[in-house]
N, C-alpha and C. Protein backbone atom coordinates (compact mmCIF):
# COMPACT_ATOMS: atom_id res chain seq x y z
N MET A 1 -45.27 -57.43 97.30
CA MET A 1 -44.63 -58.53 96.99
C MET A 1 -46.05 -58.55 95.11
N ARG A 2 -44.85 -59.30 94.49
CA ARG A 2 -45.47 -59.22 93.23
C ARG A 2 -46.28 -60.28 92.95
N HIS A 3 -46.57 -60.47 92.43
CA HIS A 3 -48.08 -61.66 91.41
C HIS A 3 -47.11 -63.18 91.14
N PRO A 4 -47.39 -64.41 91.58
CA PRO A 4 -46.92 -64.92 90.98
C PRO A 4 -47.31 -65.72 89.22
N LEU A 5 -48.31 -65.25 89.13
CA LEU A 5 -48.48 -64.88 87.95
C LEU A 5 -47.85 -64.44 87.11
N ALA A 6 -48.00 -62.99 87.45
CA ALA A 6 -46.92 -62.66 86.50
C ALA A 6 -45.28 -62.68 86.10
N PHE A 7 -44.59 -63.36 87.46
CA PHE A 7 -43.45 -64.05 87.58
C PHE A 7 -43.35 -65.23 86.58
N HIS A 8 -44.73 -66.35 86.36
CA HIS A 8 -44.74 -67.04 85.92
C HIS A 8 -44.91 -66.83 83.95
N ILE A 9 -45.69 -65.85 83.70
CA ILE A 9 -45.79 -65.30 82.50
C ILE A 9 -44.66 -65.00 81.78
N ARG A 10 -43.72 -64.16 82.33
CA ARG A 10 -42.47 -64.15 82.34
C ARG A 10 -41.79 -65.09 82.09
N LEU A 11 -41.77 -66.47 82.53
CA LEU A 11 -40.62 -66.89 82.29
C LEU A 11 -41.32 -67.93 81.13
N GLN A 12 -42.11 -67.98 80.92
CA GLN A 12 -42.64 -68.86 79.85
C GLN A 12 -42.50 -67.82 78.33
N THR A 13 -42.42 -66.29 78.87
CA THR A 13 -42.23 -65.55 77.42
C THR A 13 -40.36 -65.60 76.99
N MET A 14 -39.47 -65.94 78.30
CA MET A 14 -38.15 -65.88 78.29
C MET A 14 -38.23 -67.23 77.36
N LEU A 15 -38.44 -67.95 78.18
CA LEU A 15 -38.45 -70.14 78.21
C LEU A 15 -39.31 -69.92 76.09
N LYS A 16 -39.99 -68.96 75.34
CA LYS A 16 -40.19 -69.22 74.36
C LYS A 16 -39.38 -68.30 73.37
N ASP A 17 -38.37 -67.23 73.82
CA ASP A 17 -37.80 -66.87 73.02
C ASP A 17 -36.95 -67.49 72.38
N GLU A 18 -36.34 -67.46 71.59
CA GLU A 18 -35.09 -68.18 70.12
C GLU A 18 -34.18 -67.89 70.12
N MET A 19 -34.57 -66.57 71.05
CA MET A 19 -33.17 -65.46 69.63
C MET A 19 -31.51 -66.41 70.32
N GLY A 20 -31.53 -66.78 71.54
CA GLY A 20 -29.90 -67.56 71.96
C GLY A 20 -29.68 -68.69 70.89
N ALA A 21 -30.99 -69.71 71.01
CA ALA A 21 -31.00 -70.40 70.14
C ALA A 21 -30.57 -70.02 69.15
N THR A 22 -31.16 -69.68 68.21
CA THR A 22 -30.81 -69.37 66.58
C THR A 22 -29.04 -68.63 67.15
N MET A 23 -28.71 -68.28 68.51
CA MET A 23 -27.64 -67.79 67.85
C MET A 23 -26.76 -68.79 67.96
N VAL A 24 -26.60 -69.66 68.87
CA VAL A 24 -25.83 -70.99 68.83
C VAL A 24 -26.00 -71.61 68.03
N GLU A 25 -26.85 -72.27 67.05
CA GLU A 25 -26.95 -73.23 65.62
C GLU A 25 -26.28 -72.05 64.60
N TYR A 26 -26.44 -70.59 64.46
CA TYR A 26 -25.73 -69.83 63.86
C TYR A 26 -23.41 -70.08 63.96
N SER A 27 -23.53 -70.17 65.67
CA SER A 27 -22.04 -70.45 65.76
C SER A 27 -21.48 -71.78 65.44
N LEU A 28 -22.53 -72.43 65.88
CA LEU A 28 -21.91 -74.00 65.62
C LEU A 28 -20.96 -74.31 63.91
N MET A 29 -22.65 -73.73 62.65
CA MET A 29 -22.40 -73.33 62.00
C MET A 29 -21.57 -72.98 60.82
N VAL A 30 -20.76 -71.56 61.29
CA VAL A 30 -19.76 -70.84 61.51
C VAL A 30 -18.75 -71.70 61.74
N ALA A 31 -18.38 -72.36 63.07
CA ALA A 31 -17.44 -73.23 62.92
C ALA A 31 -17.36 -74.29 62.36
N PHE A 32 -18.04 -75.25 61.98
CA PHE A 32 -17.95 -76.51 61.27
C PHE A 32 -17.76 -76.00 59.54
N ILE A 33 -18.38 -74.55 58.80
CA ILE A 33 -17.50 -74.21 58.06
C ILE A 33 -15.67 -73.30 58.13
N ALA A 34 -15.67 -73.29 59.52
CA ALA A 34 -14.56 -72.53 59.70
C ALA A 34 -13.36 -74.29 59.47
N MET A 35 -14.18 -75.25 59.83
CA MET A 35 -13.14 -76.25 60.18
C MET A 35 -12.89 -77.39 58.98
N VAL A 36 -14.15 -76.76 57.91
CA VAL A 36 -14.01 -77.57 56.68
C VAL A 36 -12.95 -76.34 56.11
N ALA A 37 -13.16 -75.02 56.05
CA ALA A 37 -12.38 -74.41 55.26
C ALA A 37 -10.72 -74.45 55.48
N VAL A 38 -10.59 -74.94 56.78
CA VAL A 38 -9.13 -74.60 57.08
C VAL A 38 -8.12 -76.48 57.04
N ALA A 39 -9.52 -77.60 56.93
CA ALA A 39 -9.60 -78.99 56.12
C ALA A 39 -8.62 -79.11 54.58
N ALA A 40 -9.88 -78.36 53.84
CA ALA A 40 -9.33 -78.20 52.62
C ALA A 40 -8.20 -78.11 52.20
N ASN A 41 -8.00 -76.21 52.79
CA ASN A 41 -6.69 -75.11 52.69
C ASN A 41 -5.96 -75.80 52.73
N ALA A 42 -5.83 -77.21 53.82
CA ALA A 42 -4.43 -77.48 53.84
C ALA A 42 -4.11 -78.83 53.47
N THR A 43 -5.40 -79.46 53.20
CA THR A 43 -5.25 -80.82 51.78
C THR A 43 -5.15 -79.67 49.98
N LEU A 44 -5.38 -78.70 49.65
CA LEU A 44 -5.16 -78.70 48.77
C LEU A 44 -3.88 -77.45 48.71
N GLY A 45 -3.23 -77.12 49.65
CA GLY A 45 -2.28 -76.05 49.44
C GLY A 45 -0.92 -77.68 49.45
N THR A 46 -1.31 -78.40 50.14
CA THR A 46 -0.07 -79.42 50.00
C THR A 46 -0.56 -80.47 48.28
N ASN A 47 -1.53 -80.71 48.00
CA ASN A 47 -1.28 -81.07 46.58
C ASN A 47 -0.61 -79.70 45.83
N LEU A 48 -1.22 -78.57 45.71
CA LEU A 48 -1.20 -77.83 44.70
C LEU A 48 0.66 -77.64 44.84
N ASN A 49 0.87 -77.47 45.89
CA ASN A 49 2.77 -77.33 46.52
C ASN A 49 3.54 -78.55 45.57
N ALA A 50 2.66 -79.78 45.77
CA ALA A 50 3.37 -80.73 45.19
C ALA A 50 3.13 -80.47 43.45
N LYS A 51 2.04 -80.24 43.13
CA LYS A 51 2.85 -80.43 41.92
C LYS A 51 3.01 -78.93 41.32
N PHE A 52 3.05 -77.37 42.09
CA PHE A 52 4.02 -76.62 41.17
C PHE A 52 5.67 -77.32 41.11
N GLU A 53 5.77 -77.89 42.39
CA GLU A 53 7.25 -79.07 42.44
C GLU A 53 8.11 -79.60 41.56
N SER A 54 6.75 -79.74 40.97
CA SER A 54 6.83 -81.25 39.91
C SER A 54 6.86 -80.62 37.89
N PHE A 55 6.13 -79.24 38.05
CA PHE A 55 5.85 -78.83 37.05
C PHE A 55 7.72 -77.64 37.03
N ALA A 56 7.99 -77.12 38.79
CA ALA A 56 9.31 -76.76 38.64
C ALA A 56 10.29 -77.40 37.91
N GLY A 57 10.19 -78.87 38.14
CA GLY A 57 11.21 -79.85 38.18
C GLY A 57 11.53 -80.05 36.30
N LEU A 58 10.55 -79.88 35.46
CA LEU A 58 10.52 -79.53 34.34
C LEU A 58 11.98 -79.04 34.06
N PHE A 59 11.95 -77.62 34.71
CA PHE A 59 12.92 -76.58 33.72
C PHE A 59 14.09 -76.64 34.13
N PRO A 60 15.39 -76.82 33.57
CA PRO A 60 16.48 -77.41 34.31
C PRO A 60 17.24 -75.46 34.79
């Protein structure tokens, strides 16, 4: 049987590891940036389309 202290030390080491937390933070940042890009693209696309249509209306 393994020593309980060895298990405790290993558990503390795993809990101190912040690699998983960093990955979650980066994933949330990427998701937020993607949402902002999609919203900006939708808004900009609509506005740009309206500008092109008004410009195209100037020429017969």
